N, C-alpha and C. Protein backbone atom coordinates (compact mmCIF):
# COMPACT_ATOMS: atom_id res chain seq x y z
N MET A 1 0.85 -1.18 0.00
CA MET A 1 0.00 0.00 0.00
C MET A 1 0.89 1.24 0.00
N HIS A 2 0.52 2.21 -0.79
CA HIS A 2 1.26 3.46 -0.88
C HIS A 2 1.08 4.26 0.40
N LYS A 3 2.13 4.93 0.84
CA LYS A 3 2.11 5.68 2.09
C LYS A 3 1.00 6.74 2.12
N ASP A 4 0.78 7.42 0.98
CA ASP A 4 -0.27 8.45 0.93
C ASP A 4 -1.66 7.83 1.05
N ASP A 5 -1.85 6.63 0.48
CA ASP A 5 -3.14 5.94 0.62
C ASP A 5 -3.40 5.60 2.09
N LEU A 6 -2.37 5.15 2.77
CA LEU A 6 -2.51 4.82 4.19
C LEU A 6 -2.87 6.07 4.99
N ARG A 7 -2.22 7.18 4.69
CA ARG A 7 -2.55 8.44 5.39
C ARG A 7 -4.00 8.83 5.14
N ASP A 8 -4.48 8.65 3.91
CA ASP A 8 -5.89 8.97 3.61
C ASP A 8 -6.83 8.11 4.44
N ILE A 9 -6.53 6.82 4.53
CA ILE A 9 -7.36 5.91 5.34
C ILE A 9 -7.33 6.34 6.80
N LEU A 10 -6.14 6.67 7.28
CA LEU A 10 -6.02 7.12 8.67
C LEU A 10 -6.80 8.41 8.90
N ARG A 11 -6.68 9.36 7.99
CA ARG A 11 -7.42 10.62 8.15
C ARG A 11 -8.93 10.39 8.13
N ASP A 12 -9.39 9.45 7.32
CA ASP A 12 -10.83 9.13 7.28
C ASP A 12 -11.32 8.55 8.61
N ASN A 13 -10.41 8.02 9.40
CA ASN A 13 -10.78 7.40 10.68
C ASN A 13 -10.45 8.27 11.89
N ARG A 14 -10.12 9.53 11.64
CA ARG A 14 -9.85 10.43 12.77
C ARG A 14 -11.07 10.54 13.65
N PHE A 15 -10.83 10.62 14.94
CA PHE A 15 -11.85 10.76 15.98
C PHE A 15 -12.73 9.52 16.10
N LYS A 16 -12.23 8.40 15.63
CA LYS A 16 -12.93 7.12 15.77
C LYS A 16 -12.05 6.17 16.58
N PHE A 17 -12.71 5.22 17.24
CA PHE A 17 -11.97 4.21 17.99
C PHE A 17 -11.42 3.19 17.00
N VAL A 18 -10.12 2.97 17.05
CA VAL A 18 -9.46 2.03 16.13
C VAL A 18 -8.51 1.13 16.91
N VAL A 19 -8.13 0.04 16.26
CA VAL A 19 -7.07 -0.83 16.77
C VAL A 19 -6.02 -0.89 15.66
N ILE A 20 -4.80 -0.55 16.01
CA ILE A 20 -3.71 -0.55 15.04
C ILE A 20 -2.78 -1.72 15.35
N ASN A 21 -2.49 -2.49 14.30
CA ASN A 21 -1.61 -3.66 14.41
C ASN A 21 -2.10 -4.67 15.45
N LYS A 22 -3.40 -4.72 15.66
CA LYS A 22 -4.02 -5.66 16.61
C LYS A 22 -3.42 -5.52 18.01
N LYS A 23 -2.83 -4.38 18.30
CA LYS A 23 -2.15 -4.20 19.57
C LYS A 23 -2.47 -2.87 20.24
N PHE A 24 -2.47 -1.80 19.48
CA PHE A 24 -2.68 -0.47 20.03
C PHE A 24 -4.11 -0.04 19.75
N LYS A 25 -4.83 0.33 20.82
CA LYS A 25 -6.22 0.72 20.62
C LYS A 25 -6.45 2.08 21.26
N GLY A 26 -7.39 2.81 20.68
CA GLY A 26 -7.73 4.12 21.21
C GLY A 26 -8.41 4.95 20.14
N VAL A 27 -8.66 6.20 20.49
CA VAL A 27 -9.27 7.14 19.54
C VAL A 27 -8.14 7.75 18.73
N LEU A 28 -8.27 7.65 17.42
CA LEU A 28 -7.26 8.22 16.52
C LEU A 28 -7.47 9.73 16.48
N CYS A 29 -6.56 10.47 17.09
CA CYS A 29 -6.75 11.92 17.26
C CYS A 29 -6.10 12.75 16.17
N ASP A 30 -4.94 12.32 15.70
CA ASP A 30 -4.26 13.14 14.71
C ASP A 30 -3.39 12.27 13.81
N VAL A 31 -3.21 12.74 12.59
CA VAL A 31 -2.34 12.06 11.62
C VAL A 31 -1.31 13.08 11.17
N LYS A 32 -0.07 12.85 11.54
CA LYS A 32 1.04 13.73 11.14
C LYS A 32 1.73 13.11 9.93
N ASP A 33 2.79 13.76 9.46
CA ASP A 33 3.51 13.24 8.30
C ASP A 33 4.11 11.86 8.56
N ASP A 34 4.67 11.67 9.75
CA ASP A 34 5.39 10.43 10.03
C ASP A 34 4.76 9.54 11.09
N PHE A 35 3.77 10.04 11.84
CA PHE A 35 3.20 9.26 12.92
C PHE A 35 1.74 9.64 13.15
N VAL A 36 1.06 8.77 13.90
CA VAL A 36 -0.32 9.04 14.30
C VAL A 36 -0.36 9.13 15.83
N ILE A 37 -1.39 9.77 16.33
CA ILE A 37 -1.58 9.89 17.77
C ILE A 37 -2.89 9.22 18.15
N LEU A 38 -2.78 8.24 19.05
CA LEU A 38 -3.95 7.56 19.61
C LEU A 38 -4.07 7.96 21.07
N ILE A 39 -5.30 8.09 21.54
CA ILE A 39 -5.53 8.33 22.97
C ILE A 39 -6.36 7.18 23.49
N ASP A 40 -5.84 6.52 24.53
CA ASP A 40 -6.53 5.41 25.18
C ASP A 40 -6.59 5.74 26.67
N CYS A 41 -7.77 6.18 27.12
CA CYS A 41 -7.96 6.64 28.50
C CYS A 41 -6.96 7.76 28.77
N CYS A 42 -6.01 7.53 29.63
CA CYS A 42 -5.04 8.57 29.99
C CYS A 42 -3.70 8.39 29.26
N LYS A 43 -3.63 7.46 28.34
CA LYS A 43 -2.38 7.21 27.61
C LYS A 43 -2.43 7.89 26.25
N ILE A 44 -1.33 8.53 25.90
CA ILE A 44 -1.17 9.11 24.57
C ILE A 44 -0.11 8.27 23.85
N LEU A 45 -0.50 7.68 22.72
CA LEU A 45 0.40 6.80 21.97
C LEU A 45 0.76 7.45 20.64
N GLN A 46 2.04 7.46 20.32
CA GLN A 46 2.50 7.90 19.01
C GLN A 46 3.03 6.67 18.28
N ILE A 47 2.46 6.42 17.11
CA ILE A 47 2.87 5.25 16.33
C ILE A 47 3.38 5.73 14.99
N HIS A 48 4.58 5.32 14.65
CA HIS A 48 5.18 5.71 13.38
C HIS A 48 4.40 5.06 12.24
N ILE A 49 4.11 5.82 11.21
CA ILE A 49 3.30 5.32 10.10
C ILE A 49 3.95 4.10 9.43
N ASP A 50 5.26 4.07 9.35
CA ASP A 50 5.94 2.92 8.73
C ASP A 50 5.72 1.63 9.51
N GLN A 51 5.34 1.71 10.77
CA GLN A 51 5.10 0.52 11.59
C GLN A 51 3.67 0.00 11.48
N ILE A 52 2.78 0.76 10.84
CA ILE A 52 1.37 0.37 10.78
C ILE A 52 1.18 -0.70 9.71
N GLU A 53 0.67 -1.85 10.14
CA GLU A 53 0.39 -2.95 9.23
C GLU A 53 -1.10 -3.17 9.05
N SER A 54 -1.89 -2.87 10.09
CA SER A 54 -3.34 -3.08 9.99
C SER A 54 -4.08 -2.04 10.83
N ILE A 55 -5.29 -1.73 10.37
CA ILE A 55 -6.18 -0.80 11.08
C ILE A 55 -7.54 -1.47 11.16
N GLU A 56 -8.06 -1.57 12.37
CA GLU A 56 -9.39 -2.16 12.56
C GLU A 56 -10.31 -1.10 13.15
N ARG A 57 -11.55 -1.14 12.68
CA ARG A 57 -12.57 -0.24 13.22
C ARG A 57 -13.87 -1.00 13.22
N ARG A 58 -14.66 -0.80 14.27
CA ARG A 58 -15.96 -1.48 14.36
C ARG A 58 -16.92 -0.87 13.35
N ALA A 59 -17.71 -1.72 12.72
CA ALA A 59 -18.69 -1.26 11.74
C ALA A 59 -19.72 -0.36 12.42
N GLU A 60 -20.22 0.61 11.68
CA GLU A 60 -21.24 1.52 12.20
C GLU A 60 -22.44 0.72 12.68
N GLY A 61 -22.94 1.06 13.85
CA GLY A 61 -24.13 0.40 14.39
C GLY A 61 -23.86 -0.91 15.09
N CYS A 62 -22.63 -1.38 15.02
CA CYS A 62 -22.28 -2.64 15.68
C CYS A 62 -22.14 -2.37 17.18
N PRO A 63 -22.81 -3.17 18.01
CA PRO A 63 -22.72 -2.91 19.45
C PRO A 63 -21.34 -3.23 20.00
N ASP A 64 -20.96 -2.50 20.99
CA ASP A 64 -19.70 -2.73 21.68
C ASP A 64 -19.83 -4.02 22.49
N ARG A 65 -18.82 -4.85 22.46
CA ARG A 65 -18.88 -6.12 23.19
C ARG A 65 -19.10 -5.89 24.68
N ARG A 66 -18.52 -4.83 25.23
CA ARG A 66 -18.73 -4.53 26.64
C ARG A 66 -20.19 -4.26 26.93
N ASP A 67 -20.90 -3.57 26.01
CA ASP A 67 -22.33 -3.33 26.19
C ASP A 67 -23.09 -4.65 26.18
N ARG A 68 -22.74 -5.53 25.26
CA ARG A 68 -23.40 -6.82 25.15
C ARG A 68 -23.17 -7.65 26.41
N ASP A 69 -21.93 -7.65 26.91
CA ASP A 69 -21.61 -8.40 28.12
C ASP A 69 -22.34 -7.82 29.33
N ARG A 70 -22.42 -6.51 29.41
CA ARG A 70 -23.12 -5.86 30.52
C ARG A 70 -24.60 -6.22 30.49
N ASP A 71 -25.21 -6.20 29.30
CA ASP A 71 -26.63 -6.57 29.17
C ASP A 71 -26.84 -8.03 29.58
N ARG A 72 -25.93 -8.92 29.17
CA ARG A 72 -26.04 -10.33 29.53
C ARG A 72 -25.96 -10.51 31.04
N ASP A 73 -25.01 -9.82 31.67
CA ASP A 73 -24.86 -9.92 33.12
C ASP A 73 -26.09 -9.38 33.84
N ARG A 74 -26.64 -8.28 33.35
CA ARG A 74 -27.84 -7.70 33.96
C ARG A 74 -29.01 -8.66 33.85
N ASP A 75 -29.18 -9.29 32.69
CA ASP A 75 -30.27 -10.25 32.51
C ASP A 75 -30.09 -11.46 33.42
N ARG A 76 -28.86 -11.93 33.55
CA ARG A 76 -28.58 -13.08 34.41
C ARG A 76 -28.89 -12.73 35.87
N ASP A 77 -28.50 -11.53 36.31
CA ASP A 77 -28.79 -11.10 37.68
C ASP A 77 -30.29 -10.97 37.91
N ARG A 78 -31.00 -10.45 36.93
CA ARG A 78 -32.45 -10.29 37.04
C ARG A 78 -33.12 -11.67 37.15
N ASP A 79 -32.68 -12.62 36.33
CA ASP A 79 -33.24 -13.98 36.39
C ASP A 79 -32.97 -14.62 37.75
N ARG A 80 -31.77 -14.43 38.27
CA ARG A 80 -31.42 -14.99 39.57
C ARG A 80 -32.29 -14.37 40.67
N ASP A 81 -32.51 -13.06 40.60
CA ASP A 81 -33.37 -12.39 41.59
C ASP A 81 -34.81 -12.88 41.48
N ASP A 82 -35.29 -13.08 40.25
CA ASP A 82 -36.66 -13.59 40.06
C ASP A 82 -36.79 -14.99 40.66
N ASP A 83 -35.79 -15.84 40.44
CA ASP A 83 -35.82 -17.20 41.00
C ASP A 83 -35.80 -17.16 42.52
N ARG A 84 -35.00 -16.28 43.09
CA ARG A 84 -34.92 -16.15 44.54
C ARG A 84 -36.27 -15.68 45.11
N ASP A 85 -36.90 -14.70 44.44
CA ASP A 85 -38.21 -14.22 44.89
C ASP A 85 -39.26 -15.33 44.80
N LYS A 86 -39.21 -16.12 43.73
CA LYS A 86 -40.17 -17.21 43.56
C LYS A 86 -39.98 -18.26 44.66
N ASP A 87 -38.73 -18.60 44.95
CA ASP A 87 -38.45 -19.57 46.03
C ASP A 87 -38.94 -19.04 47.37
N HIS A 88 -38.77 -17.76 47.60
CA HIS A 88 -39.21 -17.15 48.86
C HIS A 88 -40.74 -17.20 48.97
N ARG A 89 -41.43 -16.92 47.87
CA ARG A 89 -42.91 -16.98 47.88
C ARG A 89 -43.39 -18.40 48.10
N ASP A 90 -42.70 -19.37 47.49
CA ASP A 90 -43.09 -20.78 47.64
C ASP A 90 -42.96 -21.23 49.10
N THR A 91 -41.91 -20.81 49.78
CA THR A 91 -41.73 -21.22 51.18
C THR A 91 -42.74 -20.53 52.09
N GLU A 92 -43.17 -19.33 51.74
CA GLU A 92 -44.18 -18.63 52.54
C GLU A 92 -45.54 -19.31 52.43
N GLU A 93 -45.84 -19.88 51.26
CA GLU A 93 -47.13 -20.52 51.03
C GLU A 93 -47.23 -21.84 51.78
N GLU A 94 -46.11 -22.47 52.09
CA GLU A 94 -46.14 -23.78 52.75
C GLU A 94 -46.41 -23.61 54.17
């Protein structure tokens, strides 16, 4: 891939959450001539453009895995609470 093409792809993904080289993740904040700047929480990462082999970005509208896991845990907790309430009602009736 030509270096200018890579810069264009990087610029198109500015201000989006990306994973670079399946290792560095964060919001792509800036694209300079020789490096990019990613921000991950309180970390600022500078990655030289020559080191970039892959760029991953989640498709628009695709749910974040953390959201899906949180929803699953919430549903599991709700089911457990419902079972506990049902068991409590059953023992009161006896």
